[in-house]
Structures are given as C-alpha cells and as structure tokens.
PDB file of all heavy atoms in Angstrom:
ATOM      1  N   GLY A   1      81.167 115.404 122.373  1.00  0.00           N
ATOM      2  CA  GLY A   1      81.507 114.499 123.463  1.00  0.00           C
ATOM      3  C   GLY A   1      82.982 114.180 123.553  1.00  0.00           C
ATOM      4  O   GLY A   1      83.831 114.806 122.907  1.00  0.00           O
ATOM      5  N   GLU A   2      83.291 113.173 124.358  1.00  0.00           N
ATOM      6  CA  GLU A   2      84.675 112.771 124.577  1.00  0.00           C
ATOM      7  C   GLU A   2      85.129 111.790 123.495  1.00  0.00           C
ATOM      8  O   GLU A   2      84.324 111.019 122.970  1.00  0.00           O
ATOM      9  CB  GLU A   2      84.825 112.119 125.960  1.00  0.00           C
ATOM     10  CG  GLU A   2      84.560 113.067 127.112  1.00  0.00           C
ATOM     11  CD  GLU A   2      85.499 114.258 127.108  1.00  0.00           C
ATOM     12  OE1 GLU A   2      86.707 114.058 126.900  1.00  0.00           O
ATOM     13  OE2 GLU A   2      85.013 115.397 127.295  1.00  0.00           O
ATOM     14  N   PRO A   3      86.406 111.803 123.146  1.00  0.00           N
ATOM     15  CA  PRO A   3      86.899 110.869 122.132  1.00  0.00           C
ATOM     16  C   PRO A   3      86.847 109.428 122.625  1.00  0.00           C
ATOM     17  O   PRO A   3      87.169 109.142 123.786  1.00  0.00           O
ATOM     18  CB  PRO A   3      88.342 111.323 121.891  1.00  0.00           C
ATOM     19  CG  PRO A   3      88.723 112.073 123.133  1.00  0.00           C
ATOM     20  CD  PRO A   3      87.463 112.708 123.637  1.00  0.00           C
ATOM     21  N   ALA A   4      86.452 108.520 121.756  1.00  0.00           N
ATOM     22  CA  ALA A   4      86.438 107.089 122.071  1.00  0.00           C
ATOM     23  C   ALA A   4      87.865 106.546 122.001  1.00  0.00           C
ATOM     24  O   ALA A   4      88.817 107.261 121.654  1.00  0.00           O
ATOM     25  CB  ALA A   4      85.537 106.359 121.087  1.00  0.00           C
ATOM     26  N   ALA A   5      88.009 105.291 122.345  1.00  0.00           N
ATOM     27  CA  ALA A   5      89.326 104.650 122.260  1.00  0.00           C
ATOM     28  C   ALA A   5      89.873 104.772 120.844  1.00  0.00           C
ATOM     29  O   ALA A   5      89.162 104.518 119.867  1.00  0.00           O
ATOM     30  CB  ALA A   5      89.218 103.185 122.662  1.00  0.00           C
ATOM     31  N   GLY A   6      91.131 105.191 120.732  1.00  0.00           N
ATOM     32  CA  GLY A   6      91.766 105.333 119.429  1.00  0.00           C
ATOM     33  C   GLY A   6      91.458 106.634 118.717  1.00  0.00           C
ATOM     34  O   GLY A   6      91.932 106.846 117.602  1.00  0.00           O
ATOM     35  N   GLU A   7      90.672 107.504 119.351  1.00  0.00           N
ATOM     36  CA  GLU A   7      90.290 108.771 118.723  1.00  0.00           C
ATOM     37  C   GLU A   7      90.959 109.966 119.386  1.00  0.00           C
ATOM     38  O   GLU A   7      91.492 109.861 120.496  1.00  0.00           O
ATOM     39  CB  GLU A   7      88.776 108.965 118.795  1.00  0.00           C
ATOM     40  CG  GLU A   7      87.967 108.038 117.905  1.00  0.00           C
ATOM     41  CD  GLU A   7      86.491 108.414 117.916  1.00  0.00           C
ATOM     42  OE1 GLU A   7      86.031 109.066 118.878  1.00  0.00           O
ATOM     43  OE2 GLU A   7      85.792 108.038 116.950  1.00  0.00           O
ATOM     44  N   ALA A   8      90.884 111.105 118.695  1.00  0.00           N
ATOM     45  CA  ALA A   8      91.295 112.389 119.252  1.00  0.00           C
ATOM     46  C   ALA A   8      90.202 113.408 118.941  1.00  0.00           C
ATOM     47  O   ALA A   8      89.556 113.330 117.897  1.00  0.00           O
ATOM     48  CB  ALA A   8      92.623 112.847 118.662  1.00  0.00           C
ATOM     49  N   ARG A   9      89.994 114.346 119.860  1.00  0.00           N
ATOM     50  CA  ARG A   9      89.071 115.442 119.596  1.00  0.00           C
ATOM     51  C   ARG A   9      89.876 116.659 119.173  1.00  0.00           C
ATOM     52  O   ARG A   9      90.811 117.065 119.874  1.00  0.00           O
ATOM     53  CB  ARG A   9      88.230 115.763 120.828  1.00  0.00           C
ATOM     54  CG  ARG A   9      87.097 116.772 120.528  1.00  0.00           C
ATOM     55  CD  ARG A   9      86.187 117.003 121.713  1.00  0.00           C
ATOM     56  NE  ARG A   9      86.839 117.769 122.769  1.00  0.00           N
ATOM     57  CZ  ARG A   9      86.912 117.380 124.039  1.00  0.00           C
ATOM     58  NH1 ARG A   9      86.375 116.233 124.431  1.00  0.00           N
ATOM     59  NH2 ARG A   9      87.521 118.149 124.929  1.00  0.00           N
ATOM     60  N   VAL A  10      89.517 117.228 118.026  1.00  0.00           N
ATOM     61  CA  VAL A  10      90.269 118.331 117.425  1.00  0.00           C
ATOM     62  C   VAL A  10      89.366 119.547 117.292  1.00  0.00           C
ATOM     63  O   VAL A  10      88.232 119.443 116.801  1.00  0.00           O
ATOM     64  CB  VAL A  10      90.813 117.935 116.036  1.00  0.00           C
ATOM     65  CG1 VAL A  10      91.516 119.118 115.370  1.00  0.00           C
ATOM     66  CG2 VAL A  10      91.762 116.748 116.148  1.00  0.00           C
ATOM     67  N   ARG A  11      89.866 120.706 117.733  1.00  0.00           N
ATOM     68  CA  ARG A  11      89.184 121.977 117.472  1.00  0.00           C
ATOM     69  C   ARG A  11      89.826 122.597 116.243  1.00  0.00           C
ATOM     70  O   ARG A  11      91.021 122.905 116.226  1.00  0.00           O
ATOM     71  CB  ARG A  11      89.305 122.920 118.671  1.00  0.00           C
ATOM     72  CG  ARG A  11      88.631 124.287 118.432  1.00  0.00           C
ATOM     73  CD  ARG A  11      88.479 125.099 119.690  1.00  0.00           C
ATOM     74  NE  ARG A  11      87.548 124.474 120.630  1.00  0.00           N
ATOM     75  CZ  ARG A  11      86.220 124.612 120.580  1.00  0.00           C
ATOM     76  NH1 ARG A  11      85.669 125.355 119.616  1.00  0.00           N
ATOM     77  NH2 ARG A  11      85.464 124.023 121.471  1.00  0.00           N
ATOM     78  N   HIS A  12      89.041 122.755 115.185  1.00  0.00           N
ATOM     79  CA  HIS A  12      89.563 123.244 113.916  1.00  0.00           C
ATOM     80  C   HIS A  12      89.913 124.732 113.975  1.00  0.00           C
ATOM     81  O   HIS A  12      89.139 125.541 114.496  1.00  0.00           O
ATOM     82  CB  HIS A  12      88.542 123.028 112.802  1.00  0.00           C
ATOM     83  CG  HIS A  12      88.387 121.610 112.379  1.00  0.00           C
ATOM     84  ND1 HIS A  12      87.161 121.002 112.221  1.00  0.00           N
ATOM     85  CD2 HIS A  12      89.314 120.654 112.080  1.00  0.00           C
ATOM     86  CE1 HIS A  12      87.339 119.758 111.837  1.00  0.00           C
ATOM     87  NE2 HIS A  12      88.625 119.509 111.747  1.00  0.00           N
ATOM     88  N   GLU A  13      91.052 125.064 113.406  1.00  0.00           N
ATOM     89  CA  GLU A  13      91.424 126.441 113.144  1.00  0.00           C
ATOM     90  C   GLU A  13      91.096 126.821 111.700  1.00  0.00           C
ATOM     91  O   GLU A  13      90.839 127.994 111.408  1.00  0.00           O
ATOM     92  CB  GLU A  13      92.916 126.642 113.401  1.00  0.00           C
ATOM     93  CG  GLU A  13      93.334 126.433 114.849  1.00  0.00           C
ATOM     94  CD  GLU A  13      92.832 127.534 115.769  1.00  0.00           C
ATOM     95  OE1 GLU A  13      92.590 128.655 115.266  1.00  0.00           O
ATOM     96  OE2 GLU A  13      92.673 127.278 116.973  1.00  0.00           O
ATOM     97  N   ALA A  14      91.098 125.846 110.813  1.00  0.00           N
ATOM     98  CA  ALA A  14      90.754 126.065 109.409  1.00  0.00           C
ATOM     99  C   ALA A  14      90.383 124.719 108.789  1.00  0.00           C
ATOM    100  O   ALA A  14      90.846 123.664 109.229  1.00  0.00           O
ATOM    101  CB  ALA A  14      91.911 126.699 108.644  1.00  0.00           C
ATOM    102  N   VAL A  15      89.547 124.784 107.756  1.00  0.00           N
ATOM    103  CA  VAL A  15      89.061 123.591 107.062  1.00  0.00           C
ATOM    104  C   VAL A  15      89.265 123.806 105.567  1.00  0.00           C
ATOM    105  O   VAL A  15      89.115 124.928 105.065  1.00  0.00           O
ATOM    106  CB  VAL A  15      87.565 123.359 107.377  1.00  0.00           C
ATOM    107  CG1 VAL A  15      86.991 122.221 106.532  1.00  0.00           C
ATOM    108  CG2 VAL A  15      87.372 123.082 108.861  1.00  0.00           C
ATOM    109  N   GLY A  16      89.582 122.742 104.846  1.00  0.00           N
ATOM    110  CA  GLY A  16      89.795 122.854 103.406  1.00  0.00           C
ATOM    111  C   GLY A  16      88.528 122.635 102.606  1.00  0.00           C
ATOM    112  O   GLY A  16      87.619 121.910 103.025  1.00  0.00           O
ATOM    113  N   LEU A  17      88.459 123.271 101.440  1.00  0.00           N
ATOM    114  CA  LEU A  17      87.370 123.096 100.480  1.00  0.00           C
ATOM    115  C   LEU A  17      87.918 122.389  99.257  1.00  0.00           C
ATOM    116  O   LEU A  17      88.948 122.793  98.709  1.00  0.00           O
ATOM    117  CB  LEU A  17      86.798 124.455 100.073  1.00  0.00           C
ATOM    118  CG  LEU A  17      85.739 124.435  98.965  1.00  0.00           C
ATOM    119  CD1 LEU A  17      84.419 123.908  99.492  1.00  0.00           C
ATOM    120  CD2 LEU A  17      85.550 125.836  98.367  1.00  0.00           C
ATOM    121  N   ASN A  18      87.224 121.330  98.813  1.00  0.00           N
ATOM    122  CA  ASN A  18      87.682 120.552  97.671  1.00  0.00           C
ATOM    123  C   ASN A  18      86.512 120.160  96.779  1.00  0.00           C
ATOM    124  O   ASN A  18      85.368 120.064  97.241  1.00  0.00           O
ATOM    125  CB  ASN A  18      88.401 119.285  98.154  1.00  0.00           C
ATOM    126  CG  ASN A  18      89.649 119.608  98.924  1.00  0.00           C
ATOM    127  OD1 ASN A  18      90.693 119.904  98.340  1.00  0.00           O
ATOM    128  ND2 ASN A  18      89.571 119.571 100.242  1.00  0.00           N
ATOM    129  N   PHE A  19      86.802 119.909  95.513  1.00  0.00           N
ATOM    130  CA  PHE A  19      85.732 119.591  94.569  1.00  0.00           C
ATOM    131  C   PHE A  19      84.996 118.320  94.962  1.00  0.00           C
ATOM    132  O   PHE A  19      83.788 118.183  94.730  1.00  0.00           O
ATOM    133  CB  PHE A  19      86.285 119.463  93.146  1.00  0.00           C
ATOM    134  CG  PHE A  19      85.360 120.055  92.121  1.00  0.00           C
ATOM    135  CD1 PHE A  19      85.574 121.320  91.618  1.00  0.00           C
ATOM    136  CD2 PHE A  19      84.248 119.354  91.679  1.00  0.00           C
ATOM    137  CE1 PHE A  19      84.701 121.888  90.693  1.00  0.00           C
ATOM    138  CE2 PHE A  19      83.375 119.906  90.758  1.00  0.00           C
ATOM    139  CZ  PHE A  19      83.602 121.174  90.256  1.00  0.00           C
ATOM    140  N   ILE A  20      85.693 117.384  95.589  1.00  0.00           N
ATOM    141  CA  ILE A  20      85.038 116.147  96.000  1.00  0.00           C
ATOM    142  C   ILE A  20      83.917 116.422  96.993  1.00  0.00           C
ATOM    143  O   ILE A  20      82.936 115.661  97.075  1.00  0.00           O
ATOM    144  CB  ILE A  20      86.060 115.143  96.576  1.00  0.00           C
ATOM    145  CG1 ILE A  20      85.428 113.759  96.735  1.00  0.00           C
ATOM    146  CG2 ILE A  20      86.627 115.643  97.900  1.00  0.00           C
ATOM    147  CD1 ILE A  20      86.409 112.681  97.163  1.00  0.00           C
ATOM    148  N   ASP A  21      84.002 117.527  97.731  1.00  0.00           N
ATOM    149  CA  ASP A  21      82.926 117.884  98.664  1.00  0.00           C
ATOM    150  C   ASP A  21      81.617 118.101  97.909  1.00  0.00           C
ATOM    151  O   ASP A  21      80.529 117.772  98.418  1.00  0.00           O
ATOM    152  CB  ASP A  21      83.280 119.160  99.428  1.00  0.00           C
ATOM    153  CG  ASP A  21      84.583 119.053 100.206  1.00  0.00           C
ATOM    154  OD1 ASP A  21      85.077 117.931 100.397  1.00  0.00           O
ATOM    155  OD2 ASP A  21      85.114 120.111 100.613  1.00  0.00           O
ATOM    156  N   THR A  22      81.705 118.664  96.712  1.00  0.00           N
ATOM    157  CA  THR A  22      80.490 118.886  95.918  1.00  0.00           C
ATOM    158  C   THR A  22      79.912 117.566  95.420  1.00  0.00           C
ATOM    159  O   THR A  22      78.696 117.448  95.249  1.00  0.00           O
ATOM    160  CB  THR A  22      80.750 119.822  94.725  1.00  0.00           C
ATOM    161  OG1 THR A  22      81.562 119.171  93.740  1.00  0.00           O
ATOM    162  CG2 THR A  22      81.442 121.102  95.188  1.00  0.00           C
ATOM    163  N   TYR A  23      80.778 116.575  95.181  1.00  0.00           N
ATOM    164  CA  TYR A  23      80.283 115.259  94.768  1.00  0.00           C
ATOM    165  C   TYR A  23      79.530 114.581  95.912  1.00  0.00           C
ATOM    166  O   TYR A  23      78.509 113.923  95.706  1.00  0.00           O
ATOM    167  CB  TYR A  23      81.442 114.360  94.345  1.00  0.00           C
ATOM    168  CG  TYR A  23      82.262 114.851  93.172  1.00  0.00           C
ATOM    169  CD1 TYR A  23      83.559 114.386  92.971  1.00  0.00           C
ATOM    170  CD2 TYR A  23      81.758 115.778  92.261  1.00  0.00           C
ATOM    171  CE1 TYR A  23      84.326 114.829  91.902  1.00  0.00           C
ATOM    172  CE2 TYR A  23      82.518 116.219  91.182  1.00  0.00           C
ATOM    173  CZ  TYR A  23      83.795 115.736  91.010  1.00  0.00           C
ATOM    174  OH  TYR A  23      84.555 116.169  89.953  1.00  0.00           O
ATOM    175  N   HIS A  24      80.044 114.722  97.130  1.00  0.00           N
ATOM    176  CA  HIS A  24      79.348 114.171  98.303  1.00  0.00           C
ATOM    177  C   HIS A  24      78.014 114.879  98.519  1.00  0.00           C
ATOM    178  O   HIS A  24      76.993 114.239  98.786  1.00  0.00           O
ATOM    179  CB  HIS A  24      80.223 114.317  99.545  1.00  0.00           C
ATOM    180  CG  HIS A  24      81.375 113.380  99.580  1.00  0.00           C
ATOM    181  ND1 HIS A  24      82.590 113.705 100.148  1.00  0.00           N
ATOM    182  CD2 HIS A  24      81.518 112.114  99.117  1.00  0.00           C
ATOM    183  CE1 HIS A  24      83.423 112.688 100.028  1.00  0.00           C
ATOM    184  NE2 HIS A  24      82.807 111.711  99.413  1.00  0.00           N
ATOM    185  N   ARG A  25      78.030 116.212  98.388  1.00  0.00           N
ATOM    186  CA  ARG A  25      76.808 116.984  98.613  1.00  0.00           C
ATOM    187  C   ARG A  25      75.731 116.658  97.585  1.00  0.00           C
ATOM    188  O   ARG A  25      74.549 116.545  97.897  1.00  0.00           O
ATOM    189  CB  ARG A  25      77.141 118.469  98.557  1.00  0.00           C
ATOM    190  CG  ARG A  25      75.997 119.413  98.903  1.00  0.00           C
ATOM    191  CD  ARG A  25      76.153 120.742  98.189  1.00  0.00           C
ATOM    192  NE  ARG A  25      75.907 120.628  96.771  1.00  0.00           N
ATOM    193  CZ  ARG A  25      76.671 121.134  95.804  1.00  0.00           C
ATOM    194  NH1 ARG A  25      77.777 121.807  96.104  1.00  0.00           N
ATOM    195  NH2 ARG A  25      76.357 120.970  94.521  1.00  0.00           N
ATOM    196  N   SER A  26      76.140 116.492  96.327  1.00  0.00           N
ATOM    197  CA  SER A  26      75.173 116.269  95.247  1.00  0.00           C
ATOM    198  C   SER A  26      74.670 114.835  95.182  1.00  0.00           C
ATOM    199  O   SER A  26      73.637 114.570  94.562  1.00  0.00           O
ATOM    200  CB  SER A  26      75.798 116.632  93.900  1.00  0.00           C
ATOM    201  OG  SER A  26      76.809 115.695  93.553  1.00  0.00           O
ATOM    202  N   GLY A  27      75.420 113.916  95.784  1.00  0.00           N
ATOM    203  CA  GLY A  27      75.050 112.513  95.714  1.00  0.00           C
ATOM    204  C   GLY A  27      75.788 111.732  94.647  1.00  0.00           C
ATOM    205  O   GLY A  27      75.589 110.520  94.510  1.00  0.00           O
ATOM    206  N   LEU A  28      76.664 112.406  93.873  1.00  0.00           N
ATOM    207  CA  LEU A  28      77.454 111.681  92.877  1.00  0.00           C
ATOM    208  C   LEU A  28      78.300 110.610  93.551  1.00  0.00           C
ATOM    209  O   LEU A  28      78.445 109.495  93.041  1.00  0.00           O
ATOM    210  CB  LEU A  28      78.341 112.658  92.105  1.00  0.00           C
ATOM    211  CG  LEU A  28      79.241 112.044  91.029  1.00  0.00           C
ATOM    212  CD1 LEU A  28      78.418 111.389  89.923  1.00  0.00           C
ATOM    213  CD2 LEU A  28      80.172 113.104  90.432  1.00  0.00           C
ATOM    214  N   TYR A  29      78.874 110.967  94.716  1.00  0.00           N
ATOM    215  CA  TYR A  29      79.552 109.989  95.568  1.00  0.00           C
ATOM    216  C   TYR A  29      78.661 109.827  96.802  1.00  0.00           C
ATOM    217  O   TYR A  29      78.714 110.645  97.717  1.00  0.00           O
ATOM    218  CB  TYR A  29      80.930 110.477  95.989  1.00  0.00           C
ATOM    219  CG  TYR A  29      81.965 110.595  94.885  1.00  0.00           C
ATOM    220  CD1 TYR A  29      83.227 111.102  95.162  1.00  0.00           C
ATOM    221  CD2 TYR A  29      81.691 110.205  93.578  1.00  0.00           C
ATOM    222  CE1 TYR A  29      84.189 111.220  94.171  1.00  0.00           C
ATOM    223  CE2 TYR A  29      82.646 110.318  92.583  1.00  0.00           C
ATOM    224  CZ  TYR A  29      83.896 110.827  92.880  1.00  0.00           C
ATOM    225  OH  TYR A  29      84.842 110.942  91.894  1.00  0.00           O
ATOM    226  N   PRO A  30      77.823 108.790  96.857  1.00  0.00           N
ATOM    227  CA  PRO A  30      76.802 108.684  97.917  1.00  0.00           C
ATOM    228  C   PRO A  30      77.395 108.528  99.316  1.00  0.00           C
ATOM    229  O   PRO A  30      78.416 107.854  99.515  1.00  0.00           O
ATOM    230  CB  PRO A  30      76.016 107.433  97.512  1.00  0.00           C
ATOM    231  CG  PRO A  30      76.290 107.240  96.056  1.00  0.00           C
ATOM    232  CD  PRO A  30      77.695 107.716  95.854  1.00  0.00           C
ATOM    233  N   LEU A  31      76.737 109.159 100.276  1.00  0.00           N
ATOM    234  CA  LEU A  31      77.052 109.032 101.695  1.00  0.00           C
ATOM    235  C   LEU A  31      75.785 108.614 102.440  1.00  0.00           C
ATOM    236  O   LEU A  31      74.684 108.978 102.042  1.00  0.00           O
ATOM    237  CB  LEU A  31      77.529 110.373 102.275  1.00  0.00           C
ATOM    238  CG  LEU A  31      78.821 110.981 101.756  1.00  0.00           C
ATOM    239  CD1 LEU A  31      78.989 112.389 102.317  1.00  0.00           C
ATOM    240  CD2 LEU A  31      80.016 110.105 102.139  1.00  0.00           C
ATOM    241  N   PRO A  32      75.921 107.869 103.545  1.00  0.00           N
ATOM    242  CA  PRO A  32      74.752 107.626 104.391  1.00  0.00           C
ATOM    243  C   PRO A  32      74.258 108.954 104.964  1.00  0.00           C
ATOM    244  O   PRO A  32      75.064 109.783 105.406  1.00  0.00           O
ATOM    245  CB  PRO A  32      75.304 106.716 105.498  1.00  0.00           C
ATOM    246  CG  PRO A  32      76.582 106.167 104.973  1.00  0.00           C
ATOM    247  CD  PRO A  32      77.138 107.200 104.051  1.00  0.00           C
ATOM    248  N   LEU A  33      72.962 109.167 104.938  1.00  0.00           N
ATOM    249  CA  LEU A  33      72.382 110.433 105.399  1.00  0.00           C
ATOM    250  C   LEU A  33      71.634 110.260 106.711  1.00  0.00           C
ATOM    251  O   LEU A  33      71.068 109.199 106.973  1.00  0.00           O
ATOM    252  CB  LEU A  33      71.436 110.980 104.321  1.00  0.00           C
ATOM    253  CG  LEU A  33      72.088 111.333 102.986  1.00  0.00           C
ATOM    254  CD1 LEU A  33      71.028 111.764 101.973  1.00  0.00           C
ATOM    255  CD2 LEU A  33      73.135 112.426 103.150  1.00  0.00           C
ATOM    256  N   PRO A  34      71.585 111.312 107.539  1.00  0.00           N
ATOM    257  CA  PRO A  34      72.259 112.610 107.364  1.00  0.00           C
ATOM    258  C   PRO A  34      73.768 112.471 107.523  1.00  0.00           C
ATOM    259  O   PRO A  34      74.255 111.498 108.082  1.00  0.00           O
ATOM    260  CB  PRO A  34      71.651 113.461 108.479  1.00  0.00           C
ATOM    261  CG  PRO A  34      71.292 112.469 109.539  1.00  0.00           C
ATOM    262  CD  PRO A  34      70.844 111.240 108.816  1.00  0.00           C
ATOM    263  N   SER A  35      74.487 113.469 107.030  1.00  0.00           N
ATOM    264  CA  SER A  35      75.944 113.369 107.021  1.00  0.00           C
ATOM    265  C   SER A  35      76.579 114.743 107.150  1.00  0.00           C
ATOM    266  O   SER A  35      75.989 115.766 106.787  1.00  0.00           O
ATOM    267  CB  SER A  35      76.423 112.723 105.718  1.00  0.00           C
ATOM    268  OG  SER A  35      77.841 112.685 105.639  1.00  0.00           O
ATOM    269  N   GLY A  36      77.802 114.744 107.648  1.00  0.00           N
ATOM    270  CA  GLY A  36      78.644 115.909 107.545  1.00  0.00           C
ATOM    271  C   GLY A  36      79.308 115.939 106.185  1.00  0.00           C
ATOM    272  O   GLY A  36      79.086 115.065 105.341  1.00  0.00           O
ATOM    273  N   LEU A  37      80.146 116.940 105.951  1.00  0.00           N
ATOM    274  CA  LEU A  37      80.898 117.076 104.711  1.00  0.00           C
ATOM    275  C   LEU A  37      82.322 117.501 105.036  1.00  0.00           C
ATOM    276  O   LEU A  37      82.603 117.987 106.132  1.00  0.00           O
ATOM    277  CB  LEU A  37      80.259 118.117 103.793  1.00  0.00           C
ATOM    278  CG  LEU A  37      78.902 117.788 103.156  1.00  0.00           C
ATOM    279  CD1 LEU A  37      78.351 119.013 102.443  1.00  0.00           C
ATOM    280  CD2 LEU A  37      79.024 116.624 102.199  1.00  0.00           C
ATOM    281  N   GLY A  38      83.203 117.363 104.073  1.00  0.00           N
ATOM    282  CA  GLY A  38      84.569 117.853 104.233  1.00  0.00           C
ATOM    283  C   GLY A  38      85.547 116.768 104.616  1.00  0.00           C
ATOM    284  O   GLY A  38      85.244 115.902 105.441  1.00  0.00           O
TER     285      GLY A  38
END
C-alpha cells in the first residue's frame, strides 16, 4: 500500500543477512507473530 504519514515506501535492491535474524526466527529474541524478518 501507500506510505502513511512520516513513512517512505522503499523497493529493495538488496537486503542484509545478520546473526540476529536467526535469534528472531528461533524465538530467542521474541517478536509478535506473524512477523517479517530482517
């Protein structure tokens, strides 16, 4: 959708991979579900 006030919509050319992503995925660092990652 369209960006809300104070937001920008970005089309990614590349995304980074980091070890913290595995902590989010595994639940070591809990996120509200369902969730994106990265």
